[in-house]
Amino acid sequence: MLLPFFSSIPTTVYVNSTVPILVLLLFLLNLASSDINQGWFNFNGYLDVEGGAGVDSNGLFKLTNSTSLIAGHIFYKNPIQFKNSKNGSVFSFSTTFIFAIIPGHFHGHGIAFVVSPNKEIPGYYPGQYLGLFNRTNNGDSSNHIVAVELDTACNLDVNDTDDNHVGIDINSVNSVASASAGYFTDEGKFISVSLVSGDPMQIWIEYNGVEKQLNVTLYPINLPRPKTPLLSLKKDLSPYMYDSMYVSFSSSTVSISDTSSSHYILAWSFKMNGSADELDLSRLPKIPRHDNGGIKQLKKILAITFSFTGLTLVLVLVFGFVLISRKKRFMEILEDWEVQFRPHRFSYKDLFKATKGFKKREVLGRGGFGRVYKGVLPSSNIQIAVKRISHDSRQGMREFVAEIATIGRLRHPNLVRLLGYCRRKQELLLVYDYMPNGSLDKFLYHQPNSSLNWTQRFKIIKDVASALFCLHQQWVQVIIHRDIKPANVLIDSDMNARLGDFGLAKQCDLGNDPQTYHVAGTLGYMAPELARIGKANTSTDIYAFGIFMLEVTWLLSLVSHHPCSDYNTYHLSN
C-alpha cells in the first residue's frame, strides 16, 4: 500500500481526514553514520502492515479488525541504526504519537510501541501478550524486544497491577516498570486518565543514551506536556538491542465484531539523537464515537415533528409514542459506583434478546438470589450465563455490587469471568462466561453416570486452590470469598474448575485486619469461630476449602445436597 508524504524533513506520521483513504506521513531512513550522529533524516517510503492492522471504512488507521483472536502490527519498512558502531551503546532516541482506544463490550489488551530485531514478530499468541510473545517465549532473553505498553487488561499471570496502566517491557510483558495511566500537574498532583475513554491522548517515549534513562509521559491532547514523566527507568538498553532494529506498533484483541475495543493511531513522530517533532493537532482526523444511537434517533424524531403538519404530524406523534414506550420498557439505572468500578454495562435489550426473553427453557439453575439463564449475544454469538437478581431478593443490591467490585476487576483462569452487568428498574443482572458443564456439586451428587476420576478430582482441588491464592495474595487487596463450596465451583468445557458466586465477598487492604461483618455463609462450611467473632478472614476461607476437599475426595458432606435445596446456601446474614 503506497502512502503519500507531507514533507521530506520531519519524521512525522499523520492520518489525513480530508482524503477517503488513510494518508500517512511515512519515513524511510537513507542515512550514513554521520547523519545518525547529527539526528537528520531523509524520508520517502511506506509502512508495512501485518495481521489485523489496516484502514477502516472511515479511512482511519486501525490496529485490530473484527476477526476473533487476532493481533495487528504496523512496521516502519526499513531498519534503523540504534547503536553506535564504535562503542556498541544505544543512541538517544525520541518518539511521540497520538492514539485513541474506542471502548467496546470487551476490552482488548491495549497498544504497544515496539522496538524489535525483525519486521515480523514470529510465534506471537494473537489473543494475549499484546501480539508480541506467547507462553513459551515470554521472558526469553533472546527476544531482544523493548516496548512501552498501554495495557487495558489486568492479567495476574504477568503481574499486572490493574486494567489501566502504562508499562516498560523488556523481552516480556512482565513490565520492569509500570504505573496506572495518568499524568502529573506542575504542582506534583497525579491525575488519572482512562486509556479506553475514546478520547485522543498523546505519549512521549524518550531514551537518553548518555544517562541511560528511559522516560515515558502520557497526557490528554488538550493539555500542555507535563514536566514530570509518568515513568522513568534508569537502565542501559544496549544489552537488549541489536545494531539495527525496527520500530512498530502492536495490539491484540480477544473478541469479535463490534464487541471489542478499537485501537487507532492518529499521528506519529520519531527521531534519533534529538527530540521528535511536535505533532500538529489541527491536522488530526475525527475518530468514531461510541454511540448507542439514542441521540440520533431523537434528532430524527424532532426533525420529522417540526417538518410536517396535519396527517404527517399525527403519524410522527404515533411513532414517537411507540418509540418512547419501547425505550421505557428497557429503561436502565446509572449510579456513581458504576463510574468508579468501570465494568462493562450491557443493555437490557441485548440481554433480553440473548435469553429469548428470559424464557423458562433457558434456565440453568435457581437459588436464593434468583435464576441463572443461558444466552447468546446477538452481535457476536458468544454464549453467556445471565444471573437475574431482584432488589428484594436475599442477596439484593449489596451482593450485586460486591460481585462487580471483586470478580469484575480480576482475570484469572480459575475464576469465573464476569463480562458485565445491567440494571433495569428493580432488576439486577450479572453476565458471566458460560460454563457448559455446570457446577461441581452436580458431578458429585446429582449425575451418578458422570463420576469424576481421581486425576480430575485432584486437578479441581488444585484449580480452586489457585483461585484462592489469587484472591488472598496476588491482587492489590485481599478478597475474602466467604462461600466456598461445590455449588459455587463451575466446570468449563475442558474440565477446568473456576470459582464463582462472589455475592458475599469482602475486600480489605493487604496487611490489615478485615472489618467485623455480620455472619454470612453456608452452614457446614463456616469455621466454628466465625459465629462467635463475626469476622471473616483468609483463615475462614481456608477452613471452607478444607471441607470442600473432603467432599471432592471422599464425598463427606456436612450439608444437604438435594437438587431442590435452593443451591444448598443458608445465608444467615448479609
Protein backbone atom coordinates (compact mmCIF):
# COMPACT_ATOMS: atom_id res chain seq x y z
CA MET A 1 0.00 0.00 0.00
CA LEU A 2 1.70 3.23 -1.19
CA LEU A 3 1.27 6.09 1.25
CA PRO A 4 1.95 9.75 0.30
CA PHE A 5 4.01 12.07 2.50
CA PHE A 6 3.78 15.72 3.53
CA SER A 7 7.43 16.71 3.98
CA SER A 8 10.91 15.38 3.37
CA ILE A 9 12.33 16.56 6.73
CA PRO A 10 10.00 15.93 9.73
CA THR A 11 9.83 12.33 10.95
CA THR A 12 6.11 12.61 11.45
CA VAL A 13 3.20 10.35 10.52
CA TYR A 14 -0.34 11.78 10.26
CA VAL A 15 -3.74 10.45 9.32
CA ASN A 16 -5.36 12.90 6.88
CA SER A 17 -9.10 13.19 7.38
CA THR A 18 -9.59 15.09 4.08
CA VAL A 19 -8.86 12.06 1.90
CA PRO A 20 -11.10 8.96 1.57
CA ILE A 21 -8.21 6.59 2.33
CA LEU A 22 -5.57 6.56 5.03
CA VAL A 23 -2.82 9.07 4.22
CA LEU A 24 0.20 8.83 6.49
CA LEU A 25 3.48 10.67 6.53
CA LEU A 26 5.96 7.81 6.43
CA PHE A 27 9.65 7.87 6.83
CA LEU A 28 12.43 5.87 5.17
CA LEU A 29 15.93 6.30 6.56
CA ASN A 30 18.61 6.72 3.88
CA LEU A 31 21.44 7.89 6.04
CA ALA A 32 25.10 7.40 6.75
CA SER A 33 26.60 7.09 10.20
CA SER A 34 27.34 10.82 10.26
CA ASP A 35 23.65 11.53 9.66
CA ILE A 36 22.74 9.46 12.70
CA ASN A 37 25.08 11.37 14.93
CA GLN A 38 23.52 14.66 13.79
CA GLY A 39 19.95 13.33 14.02
CA TRP A 40 18.91 14.31 10.48
CA PHE A 41 16.87 12.01 8.26
CA ASN A 42 15.61 11.84 4.71
CA PHE A 43 12.15 10.31 4.37
CA ASN A 44 10.29 8.85 1.45
CA GLY A 45 8.63 5.45 1.69
CA TYR A 46 5.79 3.44 3.22
CA LEU A 47 4.80 1.34 6.23
CA ASP A 48 4.12 -2.39 6.24
CA VAL A 49 1.01 -3.72 7.99
CA GLU A 50 0.53 -7.26 9.27
CA GLY A 51 -2.26 -9.28 10.89
CA GLY A 52 -5.37 -7.32 11.80
CA ALA A 53 -3.92 -3.86 11.11
CA GLY A 54 -5.25 -1.80 8.23
CA VAL A 55 -7.52 1.03 7.18
CA ASP A 56 -11.14 1.09 8.35
CA SER A 57 -14.15 2.31 6.36
CA ASN A 58 -13.59 5.89 7.52
CA GLY A 59 -10.00 5.97 6.28
CA LEU A 60 -8.51 5.71 9.76
CA PHE A 61 -5.52 3.54 10.68
CA LYS A 62 -6.77 0.75 12.96
CA LEU A 63 -4.53 -1.82 14.67
CA THR A 64 -7.18 -4.55 15.08
CA ASN A 65 -10.12 -5.58 12.93
CA SER A 66 -13.28 -7.60 13.61
CA THR A 67 -11.57 -11.01 13.47
CA SER A 68 -11.57 -13.10 16.63
CA LEU A 69 -8.27 -13.60 18.49
CA ILE A 70 -6.00 -11.57 16.24
CA ALA A 71 -3.06 -9.21 16.60
CA GLY A 72 -2.18 -6.27 14.38
CA HIS A 73 1.24 -4.77 13.63
CA ILE A 74 2.36 -1.67 11.76
CA PHE A 75 6.10 -1.56 10.95
CA TYR A 76 8.29 1.15 9.52
CA LYS A 77 9.63 -0.67 6.47
CA ASN A 78 13.39 -0.20 6.94
CA PRO A 79 15.61 -0.96 9.93
CA ILE A 80 17.02 1.93 11.97
CA GLN A 81 20.60 2.13 13.24
CA PHE A 82 20.15 2.23 17.03
CA LYS A 83 23.72 1.53 18.19
CA ASN A 84 26.99 3.38 17.93
CA SER A 85 29.27 1.12 15.88
CA LYS A 86 32.33 2.33 17.81
CA ASN A 87 31.31 1.51 21.38
CA GLY A 88 28.11 -0.55 20.98
CA SER A 89 25.95 1.79 23.07
CA VAL A 90 22.40 2.71 22.09
CA PHE A 91 21.93 6.21 20.67
CA SER A 92 19.43 8.60 22.19
CA PHE A 93 16.02 8.47 20.51
CA SER A 94 12.65 10.13 20.88
CA THR A 95 9.15 9.35 19.65
CA THR A 96 5.67 10.70 20.25
CA PHE A 97 2.31 9.56 18.96
CA ILE A 98 -1.39 10.25 19.47
CA PHE A 99 -3.71 7.28 19.95
CA ALA A 100 -7.33 6.59 20.80
CA ILE A 101 -8.97 3.41 22.12
CA ILE A 102 -12.72 3.26 21.50
CA PRO A 103 -14.39 1.02 24.13
CA GLY A 104 -16.48 -2.00 23.13
CA HIS A 105 -18.34 -4.73 25.00
CA PHE A 106 -14.99 -6.29 25.93
CA HIS A 107 -11.59 -4.65 26.41
CA GLY A 108 -8.78 -5.66 24.11
CA HIS A 109 -5.26 -5.80 25.50
CA GLY A 110 -4.20 -2.29 24.51
CA ILE A 111 -1.41 -0.85 22.35
CA ALA A 112 2.38 -1.17 22.48
CA PHE A 113 5.15 0.85 20.84
CA VAL A 114 7.80 -1.73 19.96
CA VAL A 115 11.48 -1.83 19.03
CA SER A 116 12.23 -5.31 17.66
CA PRO A 117 15.00 -7.06 15.69
CA ASN A 118 12.71 -8.26 12.87
CA LYS A 119 9.99 -6.72 10.73
CA GLU A 120 7.79 -9.69 11.56
CA ILE A 121 7.25 -10.91 15.11
CA PRO A 122 7.33 -14.73 15.00
CA GLY A 123 5.37 -17.04 17.26
CA TYR A 124 3.19 -14.45 18.98
CA TYR A 125 -0.07 -15.58 20.59
CA PRO A 126 -2.83 -13.50 18.91
CA GLY A 127 -5.22 -13.26 21.86
CA GLN A 128 -2.73 -12.26 24.56
CA TYR A 129 0.68 -10.72 25.27
CA LEU A 130 -0.16 -7.63 23.15
CA GLY A 131 0.68 -9.57 19.98
CA LEU A 132 4.38 -9.77 20.96
CA PHE A 133 5.01 -13.10 22.72
CA ASN A 134 3.48 -16.45 23.67
CA ARG A 135 3.53 -18.55 26.84
CA THR A 136 6.81 -20.18 25.82
CA ASN A 137 8.97 -17.21 24.80
CA ASN A 138 7.57 -14.57 27.15
CA GLY A 139 10.65 -13.60 29.17
CA ASP A 140 13.19 -15.22 26.81
CA SER A 141 16.37 -13.11 26.70
CA SER A 142 16.83 -13.97 23.01
CA ASN A 143 13.74 -11.92 22.06
CA HIS A 144 15.64 -8.58 22.05
CA ILE A 145 12.37 -6.64 22.19
CA VAL A 146 11.88 -3.36 24.04
CA ALA A 147 8.33 -1.99 24.27
CA VAL A 148 6.15 0.54 26.06
CA GLU A 149 2.68 -0.87 26.68
CA LEU A 150 -0.64 0.93 27.11
CA ASP A 151 -2.36 -2.01 28.81
CA THR A 152 -6.15 -2.20 29.19
CA ALA A 153 -6.40 -5.75 30.58
CA CYS A 154 -5.49 -6.96 34.07
CA ASN A 155 -3.61 -10.24 33.63
CA LEU A 156 -2.44 -11.53 37.00
CA ASP A 157 -0.26 -14.15 35.30
CA VAL A 158 2.09 -11.34 34.20
CA ASN A 159 1.75 -9.33 37.44
CA ASP A 160 -0.42 -6.54 36.02
CA THR A 161 -1.46 -4.07 38.73
CA ASP A 162 -4.76 -3.08 37.11
CA ASP A 163 -6.55 -2.86 33.76
CA ASN A 164 -5.48 0.72 33.02
CA HIS A 165 -1.71 1.12 33.19
CA VAL A 166 1.46 2.03 31.29
CA GLY A 167 4.48 -0.28 31.43
CA ILE A 168 8.03 -0.62 30.13
CA ASP A 169 8.66 -4.14 28.80
CA ILE A 170 11.98 -5.82 28.04
CA ASN A 171 11.73 -9.27 26.38
CA SER A 172 8.48 -9.88 28.29
CA VAL A 173 5.10 -8.33 29.08
CA ASN A 174 6.04 -8.69 32.75
CA SER A 175 6.86 -4.99 32.93
CA VAL A 176 10.14 -3.89 34.53
CA ALA A 177 8.39 -0.62 35.44
CA SER A 178 4.69 0.31 35.37
CA ALA A 179 2.22 2.87 36.69
CA SER A 180 -1.51 3.49 36.50
CA ALA A 181 -2.37 5.65 33.50
CA GLY A 182 -2.28 9.37 34.26
CA TYR A 183 -0.09 12.46 34.45
CA PHE A 184 1.43 14.86 36.98
CA THR A 185 0.47 18.53 37.19
CA ASP A 186 3.09 21.24 37.66
CA GLU A 187 2.19 21.15 41.38
CA GLY A 188 3.01 17.44 41.53
CA LYS A 189 -0.60 16.20 41.79
CA PHE A 190 -1.34 12.92 39.99
CA ILE A 191 -4.40 12.94 37.72
CA SER A 192 -5.59 9.54 36.48
CA VAL A 193 -6.92 9.02 32.96
CA SER A 194 -8.74 6.14 31.29
CA LEU A 195 -6.97 4.60 28.31
CA VAL A 196 -10.31 3.34 26.95
CA SER A 197 -12.17 6.65 27.26
CA GLY A 198 -12.32 7.03 23.48
CA ASP A 199 -10.56 10.41 23.71
CA PRO A 200 -7.26 11.04 21.90
CA MET A 201 -4.17 11.02 24.15
CA GLN A 202 -0.52 11.75 23.46
CA ILE A 203 2.53 9.88 24.72
CA TRP A 204 6.24 10.73 24.62
CA ILE A 205 8.90 7.99 24.85
CA GLU A 206 12.45 9.31 25.19
CA TYR A 207 15.72 7.48 25.82
CA ASN A 208 18.86 9.36 26.85
CA GLY A 209 21.82 7.35 25.58
CA VAL A 210 24.28 9.22 27.80
CA GLU A 211 22.37 8.97 31.09
CA LYS A 212 20.93 5.53 30.16
CA GLN A 213 17.43 6.66 31.17
CA LEU A 214 14.05 5.97 29.55
CA ASN A 215 11.19 8.42 30.26
CA VAL A 216 7.50 7.93 29.39
CA THR A 217 4.98 10.78 29.57
CA LEU A 218 1.22 10.44 28.95
CA TYR A 219 -1.41 13.20 28.83
CA PRO A 220 -4.67 14.29 27.10
CA ILE A 221 -4.04 16.27 23.92
CA ASN A 222 -5.96 19.32 25.19
CA LEU A 223 -3.32 19.89 27.90
CA PRO A 224 0.31 21.04 27.70
CA ARG A 225 3.00 18.39 28.03
CA PRO A 226 3.70 17.64 31.74
CA LYS A 227 7.15 18.43 33.06
CA THR A 228 7.31 15.25 35.16
CA PRO A 229 7.22 11.90 33.30
CA LEU A 230 4.81 9.17 34.36
CA LEU A 231 7.59 6.54 34.23
CA SER A 232 11.35 6.96 34.48
CA LEU A 233 13.61 3.90 34.21
CA LYS A 234 17.38 4.07 34.73
CA LYS A 235 18.62 1.21 32.54
CA ASP A 236 21.16 0.69 29.77
CA LEU A 237 19.26 -0.72 26.76
CA SER A 238 22.43 -1.73 24.90
CA PRO A 239 22.40 -5.42 26.03
CA TYR A 240 18.82 -5.83 24.79
CA MET A 241 19.09 -4.30 21.32
CA TYR A 242 20.95 -5.09 18.10
CA ASP A 243 22.75 -2.52 15.96
CA SER A 244 19.75 -2.26 13.61
CA MET A 245 16.18 -2.55 14.85
CA TYR A 246 12.64 -1.99 13.56
CA VAL A 247 10.06 0.35 15.12
CA SER A 248 6.39 -0.58 15.12
CA PHE A 249 3.04 -0.64 16.89
CA SER A 250 1.32 -3.79 18.12
CA SER A 251 -2.11 -4.63 19.51
CA SER A 252 -4.28 -7.68 20.13
CA THR A 253 -7.92 -8.41 20.80
CA VAL A 254 -9.85 -11.28 22.38
CA SER A 255 -13.32 -10.85 20.92
CA ILE A 256 -15.12 -10.45 17.60
CA SER A 257 -17.18 -7.97 15.59
CA ASP A 258 -18.03 -4.74 17.42
CA THR A 259 -17.75 -6.37 20.84
CA SER A 260 -14.10 -5.47 21.42
CA SER A 261 -12.21 -2.20 21.74
CA SER A 262 -10.90 -0.44 18.61
CA HIS A 263 -7.30 0.82 18.60
CA TYR A 264 -6.34 3.83 16.45
CA ILE A 265 -3.06 5.66 15.77
CA LEU A 266 -3.75 9.26 14.69
CA ALA A 267 -0.25 10.77 14.38
CA TRP A 268 3.36 9.67 14.91
CA SER A 269 6.76 11.36 15.09
CA PHE A 270 10.16 9.66 15.56
CA LYS A 271 13.77 10.85 15.69
CA MET A 272 17.22 9.53 16.55
CA ASN A 273 19.66 11.72 18.54
CA GLY A 274 17.20 14.51 19.14
CA SER A 275 13.67 15.35 20.18
CA ALA A 276 10.88 14.12 17.92
CA ASP A 277 8.96 16.80 16.02
CA GLU A 278 5.90 18.27 17.72
CA LEU A 279 2.60 16.98 16.31
CA ASP A 280 0.20 19.42 14.63
CA LEU A 281 -3.11 18.88 16.45
CA SER A 282 -5.01 20.86 13.80
CA ARG A 283 -4.37 18.05 11.30
CA LEU A 284 -5.78 15.25 13.46
CA PRO A 285 -8.76 13.38 11.97
CA LYS A 286 -12.04 12.80 13.74
CA ILE A 287 -12.38 9.41 15.37
CA PRO A 288 -15.57 7.31 15.66
CA ARG A 289 -17.61 7.77 18.78
CA HIS A 290 -19.23 5.02 20.82
CA ASP A 291 -22.90 6.00 20.43
CA ASN A 292 -25.97 3.88 21.17
CA GLY A 293 -27.99 5.75 18.56
CA GLY A 294 -30.38 7.35 21.04
CA ILE A 295 -29.34 10.96 20.30
CA LYS A 296 -29.50 10.43 16.54
CA GLN A 297 -32.93 8.86 16.87
CA LEU A 298 -34.18 11.77 19.00
CA LYS A 299 -32.92 14.29 16.42
CA LYS A 300 -34.70 12.37 13.70
CA ILE A 301 -37.97 12.40 15.62
CA LEU A 302 -37.72 16.14 16.31
CA ALA A 303 -36.90 16.86 12.66
CA ILE A 304 -39.94 14.94 11.46
CA THR A 305 -42.15 16.60 14.10
CA PHE A 306 -41.22 20.15 13.02
CA SER A 307 -41.17 19.40 9.26
CA PHE A 308 -44.65 18.06 8.70
CA THR A 309 -48.20 19.08 9.66
CA GLY A 310 -51.61 17.51 9.64
CA LEU A 311 -51.60 13.80 9.00
CA THR A 312 -47.80 13.68 8.97
CA LEU A 313 -47.74 15.23 12.44
CA VAL A 314 -50.18 12.61 13.70
CA LEU A 315 -48.04 9.81 12.27
CA VAL A 316 -44.93 11.26 13.88
CA LEU A 317 -46.66 11.52 17.25
CA VAL A 318 -47.79 7.90 16.99
CA PHE A 319 -44.28 6.81 16.05
CA GLY A 320 -42.84 8.84 18.92
CA PHE A 321 -45.26 7.26 21.37
CA VAL A 322 -44.27 3.75 20.25
CA LEU A 323 -40.58 4.58 20.45
CA ILE A 324 -40.82 6.14 23.91
CA SER A 325 -42.85 3.19 25.17
CA ARG A 326 -40.23 0.79 23.86
CA LYS A 327 -37.35 2.75 25.41
CA LYS A 328 -39.24 2.95 28.69
CA ARG A 329 -39.60 -0.82 28.66
CA PHE A 330 -35.83 -1.18 28.55
CA MET A 331 -35.03 1.84 30.75
CA GLU A 332 -31.97 1.35 32.96
CA ILE A 333 -30.44 2.99 36.06
CA LEU A 334 -26.98 4.56 36.48
CA GLU A 335 -25.32 5.35 39.83
CA ASP A 336 -21.97 6.81 40.95
CA TRP A 337 -20.35 3.49 41.92
CA GLU A 338 -20.75 2.24 38.33
CA VAL A 339 -18.43 5.02 37.13
CA GLN A 340 -15.90 4.16 39.86
CA PHE A 341 -15.53 0.44 39.03
CA ARG A 342 -15.88 0.89 35.23
CA PRO A 343 -17.31 -2.56 34.39
CA HIS A 344 -18.91 -3.11 31.01
CA ARG A 345 -22.61 -2.37 31.04
CA PHE A 346 -24.87 -4.42 28.78
CA SER A 347 -28.14 -3.04 27.53
CA TYR A 348 -31.23 -4.76 28.87
CA LYS A 349 -32.45 -5.08 25.30
CA ASP A 350 -29.39 -7.16 24.31
CA LEU A 351 -29.75 -9.48 27.33
CA PHE A 352 -33.48 -9.81 26.71
CA LYS A 353 -32.76 -10.98 23.17
CA ALA A 354 -29.83 -13.17 24.26
CA THR A 355 -32.01 -15.16 26.71
CA LYS A 356 -35.02 -15.23 24.33
CA GLY A 357 -36.99 -13.03 26.70
CA PHE A 358 -35.79 -14.89 29.83
CA LYS A 359 -37.74 -17.99 28.81
CA LYS A 360 -38.07 -20.82 31.34
CA ARG A 361 -36.42 -23.28 28.97
CA GLU A 362 -33.24 -21.17 29.11
CA VAL A 363 -32.95 -21.50 32.91
CA LEU A 364 -29.68 -23.15 34.00
CA GLY A 365 -30.46 -23.08 37.72
CA ARG A 366 -32.01 -21.14 40.55
CA GLY A 367 -31.22 -20.15 44.11
CA GLY A 368 -31.90 -17.57 46.81
CA PHE A 369 -30.59 -14.83 44.52
CA GLY A 370 -32.91 -15.64 41.61
CA ARG A 371 -32.35 -17.55 38.39
CA VAL A 372 -29.45 -18.11 36.01
CA TYR A 373 -30.23 -18.14 32.28
CA LYS A 374 -28.28 -19.36 29.29
CA GLY A 375 -27.95 -16.81 26.50
CA VAL A 376 -26.24 -15.99 23.22
CA LEU A 377 -25.21 -12.39 22.49
CA PRO A 378 -26.89 -11.43 19.20
CA SER A 379 -23.97 -9.30 17.96
CA SER A 380 -21.24 -11.93 18.41
CA ASN A 381 -22.87 -15.35 19.02
CA ILE A 382 -20.89 -15.65 22.26
CA GLN A 383 -22.54 -17.93 24.83
CA ILE A 384 -23.15 -16.29 28.21
CA ALA A 385 -24.79 -17.01 31.57
CA VAL A 386 -27.06 -14.28 32.97
CA LYS A 387 -27.79 -14.15 36.70
CA ARG A 388 -31.08 -12.30 37.27
CA ILE A 389 -31.36 -10.79 40.76
CA SER A 390 -34.16 -8.75 42.29
CA HIS A 391 -33.62 -5.79 44.63
CA ASP A 392 -35.87 -7.64 47.07
CA SER A 393 -34.02 -10.95 46.91
CA ARG A 394 -31.98 -12.36 49.78
CA GLN A 395 -28.75 -11.19 48.18
CA GLY A 396 -30.03 -7.90 46.80
CA MET A 397 -28.16 -4.77 45.88
CA ARG A 398 -25.22 -5.24 48.29
CA GLU A 399 -24.24 -8.61 46.87
CA PHE A 400 -24.74 -7.29 43.32
CA VAL A 401 -22.20 -4.53 43.95
CA ALA A 402 -19.87 -6.98 45.75
CA GLU A 403 -19.60 -9.19 42.66
CA ILE A 404 -18.79 -6.23 40.41
CA ALA A 405 -16.26 -4.74 42.86
CA THR A 406 -14.38 -8.05 43.22
CA ILE A 407 -14.57 -10.57 40.38
CA GLY A 408 -15.47 -7.80 37.92
CA ARG A 409 -11.95 -6.39 38.26
CA LEU A 410 -9.97 -9.66 38.22
CA ARG A 411 -8.83 -12.00 35.45
CA HIS A 412 -7.58 -15.48 36.37
CA PRO A 413 -8.00 -18.84 34.59
CA ASN A 414 -9.62 -20.38 37.68
CA LEU A 415 -12.09 -17.57 38.39
CA VAL A 416 -15.42 -17.32 36.59
CA ARG A 417 -15.10 -14.25 34.36
CA LEU A 418 -17.67 -11.51 34.93
CA LEU A 419 -18.29 -9.99 31.50
CA GLY A 420 -20.52 -7.16 32.70
CA TYR A 421 -23.84 -6.22 34.22
CA CYS A 422 -27.17 -4.48 33.63
CA ARG A 423 -29.72 -2.67 35.81
CA ARG A 424 -33.33 -2.01 34.92
CA LYS A 425 -35.98 -0.83 37.39
CA GLN A 426 -35.93 -3.41 40.20
CA GLU A 427 -33.87 -5.96 38.29
CA LEU A 428 -30.13 -6.58 38.65
CA LEU A 429 -28.39 -8.71 36.04
CA LEU A 430 -24.83 -10.11 36.03
CA VAL A 431 -23.30 -11.57 32.86
CA TYR A 432 -20.66 -14.34 33.03
CA ASP A 433 -18.79 -16.70 30.74
CA TYR A 434 -20.97 -19.72 30.05
CA MET A 435 -19.70 -22.92 31.72
CA PRO A 436 -21.15 -25.85 29.72
CA ASN A 437 -20.53 -28.47 32.43
CA GLY A 438 -22.37 -26.60 35.17
CA SER A 439 -21.46 -26.67 38.85
CA LEU A 440 -19.27 -29.24 40.61
CA ASP A 441 -22.00 -30.39 43.03
CA LYS A 442 -23.93 -31.87 40.10
CA PHE A 443 -20.95 -34.09 39.24
CA LEU A 444 -20.57 -35.14 42.88
CA TYR A 445 -24.19 -35.76 43.84
CA HIS A 446 -26.71 -35.49 41.01
CA GLN A 447 -25.07 -37.17 38.00
CA PRO A 448 -24.06 -40.71 39.02
CA ASN A 449 -23.26 -41.58 35.39
CA SER A 450 -20.75 -38.71 35.15
CA SER A 451 -18.46 -39.58 38.03
CA LEU A 452 -15.05 -37.96 38.30
CA ASN A 453 -11.83 -39.97 38.33
CA TRP A 454 -9.04 -39.26 40.83
CA THR A 455 -6.99 -37.25 38.33
CA GLN A 456 -9.93 -34.96 37.64
CA ARG A 457 -10.71 -34.55 41.34
CA PHE A 458 -7.11 -33.65 42.16
CA LYS A 459 -6.99 -31.11 39.34
CA ILE A 460 -10.24 -29.50 40.53
CA ILE A 461 -8.78 -29.10 44.03
CA LYS A 462 -5.61 -27.55 42.56
CA ASP A 463 -7.66 -25.15 40.41
CA VAL A 464 -9.71 -23.90 43.36
CA ALA A 465 -6.54 -23.56 45.45
CA SER A 466 -5.00 -21.46 42.67
CA ALA A 467 -8.10 -19.24 42.63
CA LEU A 468 -7.92 -18.77 46.41
CA PHE A 469 -4.23 -17.91 46.24
CA CYS A 470 -5.04 -15.24 43.66
CA LEU A 471 -7.78 -13.75 45.87
CA HIS A 472 -5.69 -13.79 49.04
CA GLN A 473 -2.18 -12.98 47.76
CA GLN A 474 -1.97 -11.77 44.18
CA TRP A 475 -4.14 -8.67 43.96
CA VAL A 476 -3.76 -5.16 45.38
CA GLN A 477 -6.38 -6.03 48.03
CA VAL A 478 -7.27 -9.22 49.86
CA ILE A 479 -10.59 -10.67 48.71
CA ILE A 480 -12.39 -12.99 51.15
CA HIS A 481 -14.87 -15.20 49.31
CA ARG A 482 -16.93 -16.36 52.37
CA ASP A 483 -18.91 -19.04 50.49
CA ILE A 484 -16.58 -21.74 49.12
CA LYS A 485 -18.46 -24.94 48.28
CA PRO A 486 -19.02 -27.27 45.29
CA ALA A 487 -22.16 -25.41 44.19
CA ASN A 488 -20.04 -22.29 43.65
CA VAL A 489 -17.35 -24.07 41.61
CA LEU A 490 -18.15 -24.28 37.89
CA ILE A 491 -16.59 -26.65 35.35
CA ASP A 492 -15.71 -25.43 31.86
CA SER A 493 -15.63 -27.45 28.64
CA ASP A 494 -12.05 -28.64 29.35
CA MET A 495 -12.94 -29.81 32.89
CA ASN A 496 -11.09 -26.88 34.48
CA ALA A 497 -12.58 -25.65 37.75
CA ARG A 498 -13.50 -21.98 38.20
CA LEU A 499 -14.55 -20.38 41.46
CA GLY A 500 -17.64 -18.18 41.18
CA ASP A 501 -20.50 -16.51 43.10
CA PHE A 502 -18.84 -13.55 44.82
CA GLY A 503 -22.10 -12.19 46.24
CA LEU A 504 -20.82 -12.45 49.83
CA ALA A 505 -17.21 -11.47 49.07
CA LYS A 506 -15.47 -8.73 51.07
CA GLN A 507 -12.26 -6.78 50.48
CA CYS A 508 -9.58 -5.44 52.80
CA ASP A 509 -6.14 -3.91 52.30
CA LEU A 510 -3.05 -6.12 52.39
CA GLY A 511 -1.72 -6.41 55.94
CA ASN A 512 -4.89 -5.04 57.55
CA ASP A 513 -7.41 -6.99 59.59
CA PRO A 514 -10.84 -7.21 57.95
CA GLN A 515 -13.72 -5.31 59.48
CA THR A 516 -16.26 -7.20 61.56
CA TYR A 517 -19.12 -8.36 59.39
CA HIS A 518 -22.43 -9.98 60.14
CA VAL A 519 -22.17 -13.75 59.96
CA ALA A 520 -22.74 -14.96 56.41
CA GLY A 521 -22.02 -18.14 54.53
CA THR A 522 -23.28 -21.68 54.15
CA LEU A 523 -23.84 -23.92 57.17
CA GLY A 524 -21.31 -26.72 57.23
CA TYR A 525 -18.61 -24.66 55.54
CA MET A 526 -18.26 -21.90 58.14
CA ALA A 527 -15.37 -22.05 60.61
CA PRO A 528 -16.54 -22.65 64.21
CA GLU A 529 -15.11 -19.33 65.46
CA LEU A 530 -16.97 -17.33 62.80
CA ALA A 531 -20.28 -17.35 64.67
CA ARG A 532 -18.50 -16.11 67.83
CA ILE A 533 -16.25 -13.33 66.48
CA GLY A 534 -18.23 -12.45 63.34
CA LYS A 535 -15.02 -11.67 61.45
CA ALA A 536 -14.33 -13.48 58.17
CA ASN A 537 -10.71 -13.65 57.03
CA THR A 538 -8.46 -15.75 54.84
CA SER A 539 -8.36 -18.48 57.51
CA THR A 540 -12.14 -18.92 57.39
CA ASP A 541 -11.87 -19.30 53.60
CA ILE A 542 -9.17 -21.96 54.10
CA TYR A 543 -11.43 -23.81 56.55
CA ALA A 544 -14.21 -23.88 53.94
CA PHE A 545 -11.66 -25.07 51.38
CA GLY A 546 -10.75 -27.95 53.70
CA ILE A 547 -14.39 -29.05 53.88
CA PHE A 548 -14.52 -28.67 50.10
CA MET A 549 -11.52 -31.03 49.71
CA LEU A 550 -13.21 -33.66 51.89
CA GLU A 551 -16.27 -33.54 49.67
CA VAL A 552 -14.33 -33.77 46.43
CA THR A 553 -12.12 -36.65 47.59
CA TRP A 554 -14.43 -38.69 49.86
CA LEU A 555 -17.92 -37.18 49.31
CA LEU A 556 -18.02 -36.34 53.03
CA SER A 557 -20.70 -33.64 53.07
CA LEU A 558 -21.92 -31.66 56.10
CA VAL A 559 -24.97 -30.22 54.30
CA SER A 560 -27.92 -31.46 52.30
CA HIS A 561 -27.39 -31.71 48.56
CA HIS A 562 -30.92 -32.31 47.41
CA PRO A 563 -31.36 -30.75 43.95
CA CYS A 564 -34.25 -28.62 45.25
CA SER A 565 -32.44 -27.31 48.32
CA ASP A 566 -32.01 -23.77 46.97
CA TYR A 567 -28.39 -24.32 45.86
CA ASN A 568 -27.66 -25.56 49.42
CA THR A 569 -26.95 -21.99 50.61
CA TYR A 570 -28.01 -20.76 54.04
CA HIS A 571 -27.14 -17.09 54.25
CA LEU A 572 -27.50 -16.23 57.93
CA SER A 573 -27.00 -12.53 57.22
CA ASN A 574 -25.50 -10.27 54.60
